[in-house]
Amino acid sequence: MTKKENREVLLKNKKYFIIKFIASLLIRGSLLIIPLYYSYLIDELSKGNFNAAYKMLLMFFIFTLIYRLLEMINQKTYYSLYSNLYKTYAKLGLKKTCNNSIYSLSRFSLSEYSNIMSEDFETLSDYYATLVIRIVEILEAIYIIFYFFKIDLLIGYLTLLISVVVLFILIYSNNKLSRTNQIRKNKHDKRISLFQELLLSIKEIKGFNIFSVAQERTMNTLDDYVKANNKLNIDKYNLKQLSLGLIDVFQCIALFIGIKLLIDGKTTLGVLTIIYNYYVKLNALFLSIITLFESNINVKVARIRIHKLFQYANNNYEKDTNLNLTNGSIEFKHVLYGNKKDPTLNDVSFKINANTFNIITGVTGSGKSGVFDLLLRYNRQHEGSILIDNQDIASYGNKINEIISGVTKNPTFFNISIKDNLGIFDANFENIVYYAKLFKIHDYIMSLENGYDTILLTDGSNINSDVKYILAIIRVLLKRPKIMLFDEIFDFLSKDLSDLILEELKNLKEDNTIIIITKNKNLITSNFVDQIILVDNSKIIATGKYQNLLKQDLYKKI
């Protein structure tokens, strides 16, 4: 995340920052006033002015109640600021996630990405939400130092000296703690990743009876994390005790000087109580500053991880390209995609006319699915260009997905009901039921305990596999994009189901460009297919109808 992006997030929440700043000023101001009235109370009592003492007690009581009320308001302002910051950061994080290529996202483990979206954005939100009151507390500490100068120059200089010394210690220790925390965070990611791996691999662990291996690996990872976590916490605790201990020493020195002034008749007992109370506050204020430094350590690590998510995101997200397409033609021009040394597509060029039925085929590993990845902008090519209606696909930004949608060979769903998953694309439930009946899955869905309200697991593993694929196909048909892609989906379906779906797609060809990636011979040889694009060894070796490929003796490559 750039400084500009972070500044924009903060500016969007400036109203909450102002409210929080005012609330913090009021609460810290009341905390400075309360000891003053207590000192006046002590002075009046020592003089025998009991009526005046009662008045001071009343003022002390009133400001104490005001302080408690302000504390509740202050806490509410903190959570308002924190929650709005977190939602703004999370919204930006989601946007950057969608703007990353699948290749870029593959650099993250599931745990690392989860920690960024939850823990790291929370860390930033908490840091800036508490930074406001920390700034006010620093102003409060400056006021206390000046007040001590007013009481006695020596006490003032001593307080200023210890404040500078403690600040120097904190700043000096900050970099060391940052490095330790970075190590701890890395160990933390590995720990979470291992727990996820353990759950996902439980079948293999049981099936191969390798619990001892899994246990040893897990315990070694846990041991590494515990050691790093302990070191960080012990270092932080020792730093805190050293800093606060030094302030305690200087508090005793200041009180000793105050007692001497009292004996010499140069001050009052009430002022002595102020010295004590303000040093207690100074101790608490430096404790807050220490907490701020600790938060800053976490923020440094969070920013590094967030930057990793943000750095490769395409920033052309909001490009407003005309989407009123009348065609739906596609052209690849000398496209290089994948690992440059071993590309998925190598200098690939081909054309697909609008409103046609196209098959992309080839042996496993030939590179045919690379076309799917590039058209849906999962990743970006290294070289060459991809045109939609003679316009570069990159110019559309993420709005390309309003034109092109597809079904992957491993479809996933939201962890919500069947009805709600499909309702995202068409809120008319009758249309959902229409396709379910058309493709013969309505009765199966109704046989489920909750029918269309059945909650889907993300991988769709709690329903029949054919039904899972058909639901993924229905999503595309409900959305009705200009260009429809199907990645080997028909290779997993029975012939009866495939025929039903293909019949519907043939009816749509008049208004839609349809591309199917498949090795299904029955589909490849169908006479309604307008073009077959044959991929072999990352290159296009032929295009045309099946009969043309037979004439070229290329059928063995299919």
Protein backbone atom coordinates (compact mmCIF):
# COMPACT_ATOMS: atom_id res chain seq x y z
CA MET A 1 0.00 0.00 0.00
CA THR A 2 1.43 3.35 -1.01
CA LYS A 3 1.53 6.38 1.27
CA LYS A 4 -1.01 8.02 -1.02
CA GLU A 5 -3.44 5.11 -0.70
CA ASN A 6 -3.04 5.08 3.08
CA ARG A 7 -3.55 8.85 3.22
CA GLU A 8 -6.76 8.48 1.21
CA VAL A 9 -8.05 5.91 3.70
CA LEU A 10 -7.30 8.25 6.61
CA LEU A 11 -8.87 11.25 4.87
CA LYS A 12 -12.06 9.29 4.21
CA ASN A 13 -12.36 8.95 7.99
CA LYS A 14 -11.31 12.49 8.97
CA LYS A 15 -14.68 13.21 10.60
CA TYR A 16 -14.14 10.34 13.03
CA PHE A 17 -10.55 11.47 13.69
CA ILE A 18 -11.76 14.97 14.63
CA ILE A 19 -14.43 13.61 16.98
CA LYS A 20 -11.89 11.27 18.57
CA PHE A 21 -9.36 14.11 18.99
CA ILE A 22 -11.89 16.36 20.75
CA ALA A 23 -13.02 13.52 23.03
CA SER A 24 -9.38 12.71 23.87
CA LEU A 25 -8.59 16.35 24.69
CA LEU A 26 -11.55 16.57 27.04
CA ILE A 27 -10.76 13.33 28.86
CA ARG A 28 -7.03 14.03 29.28
CA GLY A 29 -7.82 17.60 30.36
CA SER A 30 -10.16 16.34 33.07
CA LEU A 31 -7.45 13.97 34.29
CA LEU A 32 -5.12 16.95 34.74
CA ILE A 33 -7.74 18.97 36.61
CA ILE A 34 -8.76 16.25 39.11
CA PRO A 35 -5.34 16.13 40.93
CA LEU A 36 -5.37 19.93 41.16
CA TYR A 37 -8.63 19.98 43.10
CA TYR A 38 -7.35 17.17 45.28
CA SER A 39 -4.23 19.22 46.07
CA TYR A 40 -6.42 22.27 46.86
CA LEU A 41 -8.45 20.05 49.18
CA ILE A 42 -5.31 18.98 51.05
CA ASP A 43 -4.10 22.58 51.34
CA GLU A 44 -7.43 23.83 52.70
CA LEU A 45 -7.53 21.00 55.23
CA SER A 46 -3.99 21.77 56.38
CA LYS A 47 -5.06 25.41 56.93
CA GLY A 48 -8.20 24.39 58.81
CA ASN A 49 -10.51 25.90 56.14
CA PHE A 50 -13.06 23.07 56.27
CA ASN A 51 -15.84 24.83 54.32
CA ALA A 52 -13.42 25.54 51.49
CA ALA A 53 -12.23 21.93 51.73
CA TYR A 54 -15.82 20.70 51.23
CA LYS A 55 -16.12 22.89 48.12
CA MET A 56 -12.88 21.46 46.75
CA LEU A 57 -14.17 17.95 47.49
CA LEU A 58 -17.39 18.75 45.60
CA MET A 59 -15.39 19.99 42.58
CA PHE A 60 -13.16 16.92 42.82
CA PHE A 61 -16.31 14.73 42.80
CA ILE A 62 -17.91 16.60 39.86
CA PHE A 63 -14.80 16.36 37.67
CA THR A 64 -14.41 12.68 38.57
CA LEU A 65 -17.97 12.03 37.34
CA ILE A 66 -17.32 14.10 34.21
CA TYR A 67 -14.18 12.03 33.61
CA ARG A 68 -16.15 8.75 33.84
CA LEU A 69 -18.77 10.06 31.43
CA LEU A 70 -16.07 11.23 29.01
CA GLU A 71 -14.41 7.80 29.26
CA MET A 72 -17.58 6.15 27.95
CA ILE A 73 -17.86 8.69 25.13
CA ASN A 74 -14.16 8.32 24.36
CA GLN A 75 -14.46 4.54 24.12
CA LYS A 76 -17.39 4.85 21.74
CA THR A 77 -15.47 7.29 19.53
CA TYR A 78 -12.55 4.86 19.45
CA TYR A 79 -14.70 1.97 18.21
CA SER A 80 -16.44 4.20 15.65
CA LEU A 81 -13.08 5.29 14.25
CA TYR A 82 -11.57 1.79 14.44
CA SER A 83 -14.51 0.04 12.75
CA ASN A 84 -14.72 2.60 9.94
CA LEU A 85 -10.97 2.41 9.33
CA TYR A 86 -11.07 -1.39 9.25
CA LYS A 87 -13.99 -1.44 6.80
CA THR A 88 -12.21 1.07 4.55
CA TYR A 89 -8.95 -0.93 4.59
CA ALA A 90 -10.83 -4.21 4.03
CA LYS A 91 -12.74 -2.72 1.09
CA LEU A 92 -9.46 -1.58 -0.46
CA GLY A 93 -7.92 -5.02 0.22
CA LEU A 94 -10.81 -6.78 -1.54
CA LYS A 95 -10.45 -4.46 -4.51
CA LYS A 96 -6.70 -5.16 -4.71
CA THR A 97 -7.34 -8.90 -4.42
CA CYS A 98 -9.62 -8.83 -7.45
CA ASN A 99 -7.10 -6.67 -9.31
CA ASN A 100 -4.30 -9.20 -8.77
CA SER A 101 -3.68 -11.95 -11.26
CA ILE A 102 -4.12 -15.52 -10.08
CA TYR A 103 -0.36 -15.92 -10.49
CA SER A 104 0.28 -13.01 -8.11
CA LEU A 105 -2.19 -14.39 -5.57
CA SER A 106 -0.52 -17.80 -5.77
CA ARG A 107 2.46 -16.27 -3.92
CA PHE A 108 0.32 -16.23 -0.78
CA SER A 109 -0.49 -19.16 1.42
CA LEU A 110 -4.11 -19.29 2.58
CA SER A 111 -3.04 -18.38 6.11
CA GLU A 112 -0.89 -15.45 4.98
CA TYR A 113 -3.70 -13.95 2.92
CA SER A 114 -6.22 -14.51 5.74
CA ASN A 115 -3.88 -12.80 8.21
CA ILE A 116 -3.49 -9.79 5.90
CA MET A 117 -7.23 -9.34 5.45
CA SER A 118 -8.02 -9.83 9.14
CA GLU A 119 -5.05 -9.27 11.45
CA ASP A 120 -2.96 -6.80 9.41
CA PHE A 121 -5.82 -4.48 8.53
CA GLU A 122 -6.97 -4.69 12.15
CA THR A 123 -3.45 -3.77 13.26
CA LEU A 124 -3.43 -0.67 11.03
CA SER A 125 -6.93 0.31 12.13
CA ASP A 126 -6.11 -0.02 15.83
CA TYR A 127 -2.83 1.86 15.40
CA TYR A 128 -4.41 4.92 13.79
CA ALA A 129 -7.48 4.82 16.04
CA THR A 130 -5.29 4.88 19.17
CA LEU A 131 -2.71 7.24 17.65
CA VAL A 132 -5.06 10.17 18.24
CA ILE A 133 -5.18 9.74 22.01
CA ARG A 134 -1.44 8.94 22.10
CA ILE A 135 -0.75 12.33 20.49
CA VAL A 136 -2.98 14.01 23.07
CA GLU A 137 -1.16 12.09 25.82
CA ILE A 138 2.18 13.36 24.52
CA LEU A 139 0.77 16.90 24.72
CA GLU A 140 -0.31 16.07 28.27
CA ALA A 141 3.23 14.93 29.15
CA ILE A 142 4.63 18.21 27.77
CA TYR A 143 2.16 20.14 29.94
CA ILE A 144 3.22 18.16 33.04
CA ILE A 145 6.90 18.90 32.39
CA PHE A 146 6.15 22.63 32.06
CA TYR A 147 4.06 22.49 35.23
CA PHE A 148 7.00 20.95 37.09
CA PHE A 149 9.22 23.80 35.88
CA LYS A 150 6.64 26.14 37.40
CA ILE A 151 6.87 24.30 40.75
CA ASP A 152 10.68 24.09 40.82
CA LEU A 153 13.38 24.35 38.15
CA LEU A 154 15.31 21.32 39.43
CA ILE A 155 12.20 19.09 39.36
CA GLY A 156 11.43 20.40 35.86
CA TYR A 157 14.91 19.64 34.53
CA LEU A 158 14.93 16.17 36.15
CA THR A 159 11.53 15.35 34.61
CA LEU A 160 12.66 16.59 31.21
CA LEU A 161 15.87 14.54 31.49
CA ILE A 162 14.14 11.26 32.32
CA SER A 163 11.56 11.85 29.57
CA VAL A 164 14.30 12.29 26.96
CA VAL A 165 16.26 9.26 28.26
CA VAL A 166 13.21 6.97 28.16
CA LEU A 167 12.27 8.16 24.67
CA PHE A 168 15.82 7.47 23.47
CA ILE A 169 15.70 3.94 24.93
CA LEU A 170 12.36 3.27 23.20
CA ILE A 171 13.53 4.56 19.82
CA TYR A 172 16.81 2.63 20.07
CA SER A 173 15.00 -0.61 20.93
CA ASN A 174 12.30 -0.21 18.28
CA ASN A 175 14.32 -1.56 15.31
CA LYS A 176 15.51 -4.60 17.23
CA LEU A 177 11.98 -5.44 18.31
CA SER A 178 10.75 -4.93 14.72
CA ARG A 179 13.16 -7.58 13.46
CA THR A 180 12.13 -9.98 16.22
CA ASN A 181 8.46 -9.36 15.44
CA GLN A 182 9.00 -10.02 11.73
CA ILE A 183 10.45 -13.42 12.62
CA ARG A 184 7.50 -14.10 14.94
CA LYS A 185 4.98 -13.14 12.23
CA ASN A 186 6.63 -15.49 9.73
CA LYS A 187 6.53 -18.32 12.27
CA HIS A 188 2.89 -17.45 12.98
CA ASP A 189 1.98 -17.76 9.27
CA LYS A 190 3.70 -21.14 9.07
CA ARG A 191 1.87 -22.29 12.19
CA ILE A 192 -1.57 -21.35 10.80
CA SER A 193 -0.70 -22.79 7.39
CA LEU A 194 0.31 -26.07 9.00
CA PHE A 195 -2.99 -26.35 10.90
CA GLN A 196 -4.88 -25.82 7.63
CA GLU A 197 -2.68 -28.37 5.89
CA LEU A 198 -3.30 -30.82 8.73
CA LEU A 199 -7.07 -30.62 8.30
CA LEU A 200 -6.92 -30.84 4.50
CA SER A 201 -4.54 -33.83 4.65
CA ILE A 202 -6.29 -35.79 7.37
CA LYS A 203 -7.38 -38.51 4.89
CA GLU A 204 -3.78 -39.09 3.78
CA ILE A 205 -2.52 -39.02 7.38
CA LYS A 206 -5.04 -41.68 8.37
CA GLY A 207 -4.78 -43.66 5.14
CA PHE A 208 -0.99 -43.93 5.21
CA ASN A 209 -0.78 -44.12 9.01
CA ILE A 210 1.71 -41.25 9.14
CA PHE A 211 0.40 -39.50 12.26
CA SER A 212 3.85 -39.58 13.86
CA VAL A 213 5.35 -37.72 10.88
CA ALA A 214 2.58 -35.12 10.93
CA GLN A 215 2.89 -34.75 14.70
CA GLU A 216 6.66 -34.25 14.60
CA ARG A 217 6.38 -31.65 11.85
CA THR A 218 3.61 -29.83 13.68
CA MET A 219 5.41 -29.79 17.01
CA ASN A 220 8.64 -28.53 15.41
CA THR A 221 6.72 -25.66 13.81
CA LEU A 222 4.95 -24.90 17.09
CA ASP A 223 8.25 -24.95 18.93
CA ASP A 224 9.74 -22.44 16.46
CA TYR A 225 6.74 -20.14 16.89
CA VAL A 226 6.70 -20.38 20.69
CA LYS A 227 10.41 -19.53 20.88
CA ALA A 228 10.01 -16.49 18.61
CA ASN A 229 6.87 -15.37 20.44
CA ASN A 230 8.49 -15.76 23.86
CA LYS A 231 11.57 -13.81 22.81
CA LEU A 232 9.48 -10.93 21.52
CA ASN A 233 7.27 -10.76 24.60
CA ILE A 234 10.18 -11.05 27.05
CA ASP A 235 12.11 -8.30 25.20
CA LYS A 236 9.04 -6.06 25.23
CA TYR A 237 8.39 -6.75 28.93
CA ASN A 238 12.02 -6.03 29.89
CA LEU A 239 11.96 -2.79 27.89
CA LYS A 240 8.76 -1.75 29.63
CA GLN A 241 10.08 -2.49 33.11
CA LEU A 242 13.38 -0.69 32.43
CA SER A 243 11.61 2.44 31.15
CA LEU A 244 9.00 2.59 33.89
CA GLY A 245 11.58 1.70 36.53
CA LEU A 246 13.69 4.73 35.55
CA ILE A 247 10.61 6.96 35.86
CA ASP A 248 9.90 5.48 39.32
CA VAL A 249 13.45 6.36 40.43
CA PHE A 250 13.08 9.95 39.25
CA GLN A 251 9.66 10.14 40.90
CA CYS A 252 11.28 9.38 44.25
CA ILE A 253 13.97 12.02 43.56
CA ALA A 254 11.31 14.60 42.67
CA LEU A 255 9.36 13.78 45.85
CA PHE A 256 12.55 14.09 47.91
CA ILE A 257 13.11 17.56 46.45
CA GLY A 258 9.43 18.40 47.09
CA ILE A 259 9.68 17.35 50.74
CA LYS A 260 12.77 19.53 51.14
CA LEU A 261 10.87 22.47 49.63
CA LEU A 262 7.98 21.75 52.02
CA ILE A 263 10.33 21.74 55.02
CA ASP A 264 11.83 25.04 53.86
CA GLY A 265 8.31 26.48 53.54
CA LYS A 266 8.68 27.02 49.78
CA THR A 267 5.72 24.79 48.80
CA THR A 268 2.61 23.20 50.24
CA LEU A 269 1.48 19.66 51.01
CA GLY A 270 -1.03 19.92 48.16
CA VAL A 271 1.76 20.63 45.66
CA LEU A 272 3.56 17.53 46.94
CA THR A 273 0.46 15.47 46.12
CA ILE A 274 0.44 17.00 42.62
CA ILE A 275 4.09 15.95 42.15
CA TYR A 276 3.15 12.41 43.14
CA ASN A 277 -0.04 12.29 41.02
CA TYR A 278 1.54 13.84 37.95
CA TYR A 279 4.48 11.42 38.11
CA VAL A 280 1.97 8.57 38.30
CA LYS A 281 0.36 10.06 35.19
CA LEU A 282 3.76 10.43 33.56
CA ASN A 283 4.37 6.76 34.24
CA ALA A 284 1.01 5.88 32.66
CA LEU A 285 1.71 8.19 29.72
CA PHE A 286 5.04 6.52 28.98
CA LEU A 287 3.30 3.18 29.29
CA SER A 288 0.96 4.41 26.52
CA ILE A 289 3.96 5.56 24.47
CA ILE A 290 5.56 2.13 24.94
CA THR A 291 2.29 0.58 23.72
CA LEU A 292 2.39 2.95 20.75
CA PHE A 293 5.92 1.82 19.90
CA GLU A 294 4.84 -1.82 20.21
CA SER A 295 1.93 -1.10 17.87
CA ASN A 296 4.32 0.57 15.45
CA ILE A 297 6.43 -2.60 15.43
CA ASN A 298 3.37 -4.61 14.39
CA VAL A 299 2.38 -1.96 11.84
CA LYS A 300 5.78 -2.19 10.13
CA VAL A 301 5.32 -5.93 9.61
CA ALA A 302 1.70 -5.46 8.53
CA ARG A 303 2.69 -2.86 5.94
CA ILE A 304 5.30 -5.18 4.42
CA ARG A 305 2.72 -7.95 4.04
CA ILE A 306 -0.01 -5.63 2.75
CA HIS A 307 2.43 -4.16 0.22
CA LYS A 308 2.93 -7.66 -1.15
CA LEU A 309 -0.81 -7.84 -1.86
CA PHE A 310 -0.99 -4.35 -3.32
CA GLN A 311 2.17 -4.14 -5.42
CA TYR A 312 1.05 -6.27 -8.36
CA ALA A 313 -2.59 -5.20 -8.40
CA ASN A 314 -3.78 -3.66 -11.63
CA ASN A 315 -4.73 -0.05 -10.90
CA ASN A 316 -6.91 0.30 -14.00
CA TYR A 317 -9.87 -1.11 -12.12
CA GLU A 318 -12.26 1.77 -12.76
CA LYS A 319 -11.67 2.20 -16.49
CA ASP A 320 -14.98 3.13 -18.08
CA THR A 321 -14.97 1.37 -21.41
CA ASN A 322 -18.04 1.16 -23.60
CA LEU A 323 -19.62 -2.22 -22.97
CA ASN A 324 -22.44 -1.96 -25.50
CA LEU A 325 -20.92 -4.61 -27.72
CA THR A 326 -22.70 -5.75 -30.82
CA ASN A 327 -20.19 -8.47 -31.63
CA GLY A 328 -18.11 -10.61 -29.30
CA SER A 329 -15.19 -11.42 -31.57
CA ILE A 330 -11.83 -12.46 -30.09
CA GLU A 331 -8.32 -12.26 -31.48
CA PHE A 332 -5.00 -13.43 -29.98
CA LYS A 333 -1.90 -11.84 -31.53
CA HIS A 334 1.49 -13.45 -30.82
CA VAL A 335 0.65 -14.13 -27.16
CA LEU A 336 3.34 -15.41 -24.79
CA TYR A 337 1.93 -16.57 -21.47
CA GLY A 338 3.21 -18.51 -18.46
CA ASN A 339 6.80 -19.26 -17.54
CA LYS A 340 8.94 -17.60 -20.19
CA LYS A 341 11.35 -20.54 -20.26
CA ASP A 342 8.51 -23.08 -20.46
CA PRO A 343 5.42 -21.09 -21.55
CA THR A 344 1.84 -22.25 -21.39
CA LEU A 345 1.17 -20.42 -24.67
CA ASN A 346 4.07 -19.60 -26.98
CA ASP A 347 3.56 -17.03 -29.78
CA VAL A 348 -0.12 -17.95 -30.10
CA SER A 349 -2.32 -16.25 -32.69
CA PHE A 350 -5.90 -17.10 -33.69
CA LYS A 351 -9.30 -15.50 -34.33
CA ILE A 352 -12.77 -16.37 -33.08
CA ASN A 353 -15.68 -14.78 -34.88
CA ALA A 354 -18.64 -13.37 -32.99
CA ASN A 355 -21.67 -15.59 -32.39
CA THR A 356 -19.89 -18.86 -33.14
CA PHE A 357 -19.46 -22.20 -31.39
CA ASN A 358 -15.76 -22.96 -30.81
CA ILE A 359 -13.78 -25.86 -29.38
CA ILE A 360 -10.24 -25.55 -28.02
CA THR A 361 -8.66 -28.96 -27.67
CA GLY A 362 -5.36 -30.76 -27.28
CA VAL A 363 -3.70 -33.34 -25.10
CA THR A 364 -3.31 -32.76 -21.37
CA GLY A 365 -0.64 -30.13 -20.68
CA SER A 366 -0.76 -28.71 -24.21
CA GLY A 367 -1.63 -25.24 -22.90
CA LYS A 368 -5.25 -24.96 -23.99
CA SER A 369 -6.48 -23.75 -20.58
CA GLY A 370 -4.18 -20.75 -20.91
CA VAL A 371 -6.73 -19.21 -23.27
CA PHE A 372 -9.34 -19.49 -20.52
CA ASP A 373 -7.04 -17.84 -17.96
CA LEU A 374 -6.23 -14.91 -20.21
CA LEU A 375 -9.76 -14.21 -21.43
CA LEU A 376 -11.06 -14.10 -17.86
CA ARG A 377 -8.03 -11.97 -16.87
CA TYR A 378 -6.98 -14.44 -14.20
CA ASN A 379 -3.44 -13.65 -15.33
CA ARG A 380 -1.77 -11.39 -17.88
CA GLN A 381 0.36 -12.31 -20.86
CA HIS A 382 4.05 -11.38 -21.11
CA GLU A 383 3.91 -10.48 -24.78
CA GLY A 384 1.37 -9.99 -27.53
CA SER A 385 -2.16 -8.65 -27.38
CA ILE A 386 -5.70 -9.97 -26.91
CA LEU A 387 -8.51 -8.08 -28.62
CA ILE A 388 -12.22 -8.14 -27.90
CA ASP A 389 -14.06 -6.54 -30.84
CA ASN A 390 -10.72 -5.05 -31.97
CA GLN A 391 -10.17 -3.40 -28.60
CA ASP A 392 -7.37 -4.46 -26.23
CA ILE A 393 -8.76 -6.57 -23.42
CA ALA A 394 -6.63 -4.68 -20.87
CA SER A 395 -8.52 -1.46 -21.60
CA TYR A 396 -11.67 -2.89 -20.03
CA GLY A 397 -10.11 -3.41 -16.60
CA ASN A 398 -12.13 -5.79 -14.45
CA LYS A 399 -15.27 -4.79 -16.33
CA ILE A 400 -14.23 -7.40 -18.89
CA ASN A 401 -16.12 -9.86 -16.68
CA GLU A 402 -19.37 -8.15 -17.61
CA ILE A 403 -18.65 -9.32 -21.17
CA ILE A 404 -16.98 -12.68 -20.53
CA SER A 405 -17.83 -15.30 -17.91
CA GLY A 406 -16.89 -18.93 -17.61
CA VAL A 407 -17.11 -22.22 -15.78
CA THR A 408 -13.88 -23.65 -14.39
CA LYS A 409 -13.20 -27.35 -14.06
CA ASN A 410 -13.08 -26.88 -10.28
CA PRO A 411 -16.00 -24.52 -9.60
CA THR A 412 -16.40 -23.00 -6.16
CA PHE A 413 -19.39 -21.43 -4.44
CA PHE A 414 -20.17 -19.04 -1.65
CA ASN A 415 -21.03 -20.68 1.65
CA ILE A 416 -24.69 -19.71 1.27
CA SER A 417 -27.79 -21.45 -0.07
CA ILE A 418 -28.20 -22.81 -3.62
CA LYS A 419 -30.90 -20.20 -4.17
CA ASP A 420 -28.69 -17.33 -2.96
CA ASN A 421 -25.66 -18.54 -4.94
CA LEU A 422 -27.67 -18.41 -8.17
CA GLY A 423 -29.67 -15.37 -7.09
CA ILE A 424 -26.50 -13.28 -7.32
CA PHE A 425 -26.81 -13.55 -11.10
CA ASP A 426 -30.60 -13.42 -11.43
CA ALA A 427 -32.88 -12.53 -8.54
CA ASN A 428 -35.87 -14.05 -10.32
CA PHE A 429 -36.28 -17.44 -8.64
CA GLU A 430 -38.48 -18.68 -11.49
CA ASN A 431 -35.52 -18.44 -13.87
CA ILE A 432 -33.38 -20.48 -11.46
CA VAL A 433 -36.04 -23.19 -11.26
CA TYR A 434 -36.47 -23.10 -15.06
CA TYR A 435 -32.83 -24.05 -15.67
CA ALA A 436 -32.81 -26.57 -12.83
CA LYS A 437 -35.79 -28.34 -14.43
CA LEU A 438 -34.34 -28.00 -17.94
CA PHE A 439 -31.14 -29.75 -16.85
CA LYS A 440 -32.95 -32.36 -14.72
CA ILE A 441 -31.56 -31.37 -11.31
CA HIS A 442 -34.71 -29.79 -9.81
CA ASP A 443 -35.94 -33.08 -8.33
CA TYR A 444 -32.53 -33.77 -6.79
CA ILE A 445 -32.42 -30.31 -5.19
CA MET A 446 -35.95 -30.72 -3.83
CA SER A 447 -34.94 -34.09 -2.37
CA LEU A 448 -32.36 -32.33 -0.18
CA GLU A 449 -33.51 -31.60 3.35
CA ASN A 450 -33.66 -27.85 2.74
CA GLY A 451 -34.22 -27.86 -1.01
CA TYR A 452 -33.00 -24.66 -2.67
CA ASP A 453 -32.13 -23.32 0.80
CA THR A 454 -29.44 -25.99 1.20
CA ILE A 455 -26.17 -24.33 2.20
CA LEU A 456 -23.37 -25.14 -0.23
CA LEU A 457 -19.84 -25.88 0.92
CA THR A 458 -17.26 -23.80 -0.90
CA ASP A 459 -16.07 -26.73 -3.04
CA GLY A 460 -19.61 -28.05 -3.52
CA SER A 461 -18.62 -31.38 -1.97
CA ASN A 462 -21.92 -31.73 -0.06
CA ILE A 463 -23.92 -32.21 -3.28
CA ASN A 464 -23.81 -34.58 -6.24
CA SER A 465 -20.83 -33.82 -8.53
CA ASP A 466 -23.00 -33.57 -11.67
CA VAL A 467 -25.30 -31.14 -9.86
CA LYS A 468 -22.28 -29.08 -8.77
CA TYR A 469 -21.11 -28.64 -12.38
CA ILE A 470 -24.61 -27.89 -13.64
CA LEU A 471 -25.08 -25.20 -10.97
CA ALA A 472 -21.83 -23.62 -12.17
CA ILE A 473 -23.14 -23.69 -15.76
CA ILE A 474 -26.50 -22.22 -14.70
CA ARG A 475 -24.66 -19.26 -13.13
CA VAL A 476 -23.24 -18.34 -16.53
CA LEU A 477 -26.56 -18.83 -18.32
CA LEU A 478 -28.35 -16.64 -15.78
CA LYS A 479 -25.77 -13.92 -16.19
CA ARG A 480 -25.86 -14.28 -19.98
CA PRO A 481 -22.50 -12.63 -20.88
CA LYS A 482 -21.68 -11.95 -24.52
CA ILE A 483 -18.84 -14.51 -24.45
CA MET A 484 -19.24 -17.81 -22.59
CA LEU A 485 -16.31 -20.06 -21.65
CA PHE A 486 -16.40 -23.65 -20.42
CA ASP A 487 -13.12 -25.21 -19.25
CA GLU A 488 -13.28 -29.02 -19.66
CA ILE A 489 -16.61 -29.03 -17.82
CA PHE A 490 -18.21 -31.39 -20.35
CA ASP A 491 -15.46 -33.92 -19.76
CA PHE A 492 -16.92 -34.53 -16.29
CA LEU A 493 -20.62 -34.79 -17.20
CA SER A 494 -22.60 -37.75 -18.46
CA LYS A 495 -23.59 -37.75 -22.15
CA ASP A 496 -27.29 -37.20 -21.36
CA LEU A 497 -26.56 -34.10 -19.29
CA SER A 498 -24.01 -32.84 -21.81
CA ASP A 499 -26.57 -33.13 -24.61
CA LEU A 500 -29.16 -31.14 -22.65
CA ILE A 501 -26.72 -28.33 -21.96
CA LEU A 502 -25.28 -28.28 -25.48
CA GLU A 503 -28.78 -28.03 -26.92
CA GLU A 504 -29.35 -24.89 -24.87
CA LEU A 505 -25.96 -23.46 -25.89
CA LYS A 506 -26.76 -24.07 -29.56
CA ASN A 507 -29.89 -21.98 -29.08
CA LEU A 508 -27.79 -19.17 -27.62
CA LYS A 509 -25.20 -19.13 -30.41
CA GLU A 510 -27.16 -16.58 -32.42
CA ASP A 511 -26.43 -13.93 -29.76
CA ASN A 512 -23.38 -15.29 -27.94
CA THR A 513 -19.84 -16.42 -28.65
CA ILE A 514 -19.30 -19.83 -27.05
CA ILE A 515 -15.91 -21.42 -26.35
CA ILE A 516 -15.52 -24.90 -24.89
CA ILE A 517 -12.18 -26.37 -23.83
CA THR A 518 -12.53 -30.13 -24.07
CA LYS A 519 -11.05 -33.47 -25.12
CA ASN A 520 -14.53 -34.99 -25.53
CA LYS A 521 -14.52 -36.65 -28.99
CA ASN A 522 -18.32 -36.64 -29.31
CA LEU A 523 -18.34 -32.88 -28.82
CA ILE A 524 -15.34 -32.22 -31.07
CA THR A 525 -16.89 -34.14 -33.97
CA SER A 526 -20.29 -32.43 -33.68
CA ASN A 527 -21.41 -30.70 -36.87
CA PHE A 528 -22.65 -27.59 -35.02
CA VAL A 529 -19.07 -26.66 -34.02
CA ASP A 530 -17.93 -23.74 -36.18
CA GLN A 531 -14.23 -23.94 -35.36
CA ILE A 532 -11.77 -26.21 -33.62
CA ILE A 533 -8.55 -24.67 -32.31
CA LEU A 534 -5.94 -27.38 -31.83
CA VAL A 535 -3.21 -26.69 -29.28
CA ASP A 536 -0.07 -28.78 -29.04
CA ASN A 537 3.09 -28.09 -27.07
CA SER A 538 1.93 -24.54 -26.21
CA LYS A 539 1.30 -23.58 -29.84
CA ILE A 540 -1.70 -23.42 -32.15
CA ILE A 541 -1.04 -26.04 -34.81
CA ALA A 542 -4.37 -25.90 -36.64
CA THR A 543 -7.78 -24.24 -36.76
CA GLY A 544 -10.92 -25.24 -38.63
CA LYS A 545 -13.65 -27.86 -38.61
CA TYR A 546 -13.01 -31.46 -37.59
CA GLN A 547 -13.04 -32.73 -41.17
CA ASN A 548 -10.24 -30.29 -42.04
CA LEU A 549 -8.14 -31.60 -39.15
CA LEU A 550 -8.70 -35.15 -40.38
CA LYS A 551 -7.50 -34.19 -43.82
CA GLN A 552 -4.35 -32.72 -42.29
CA ASP A 553 -3.83 -35.99 -40.36
CA LEU A 554 -3.95 -34.07 -37.06
CA TYR A 555 -6.65 -36.13 -35.33
CA LYS A 556 -3.97 -37.96 -33.29
CA LYS A 557 -3.16 -34.66 -31.57
CA ILE A 558 -6.72 -34.36 -30.25
